[in-house]
Amino acid sequence: MFNAMMASGIRPDVHIYNCFISGLCKDGKTTKALDLFKLMLERGEEPSIVTYNVLISGLCKEGLVGDACKIFEMMLEKRKKPDVVADGTLQQWE
């Protein structure tokens, strides 16, 4: 569906990316979620705190805590203030 949107010239915003990333994480497809996150960054779309939370949570649930920590660090580098969801998720899995 995402590729069809792109092919038809629809430019997804942060909310659309969040929906797709969330769905991929819920389906256990965190690698694809990370790829979509990278595409989001490449296209100049600024991730929201929701984007980071969904990705961090999905990665932790898959046992990819190291990758989740990298996303958390990226969030801090982008000067996004972690909320209780991101912070609590990482503390739960460490």
Foldseek 3Di string as FASTA:
>chain_A
DVVVCVVVPNDDAQVVLLVVLLVCLVVLNLVVSVVSVVVCVVVPHDHALSSLLSSLLSCLVNVNLVVNVVSVVVCVVVVNDHDCSSVVSSVVRD
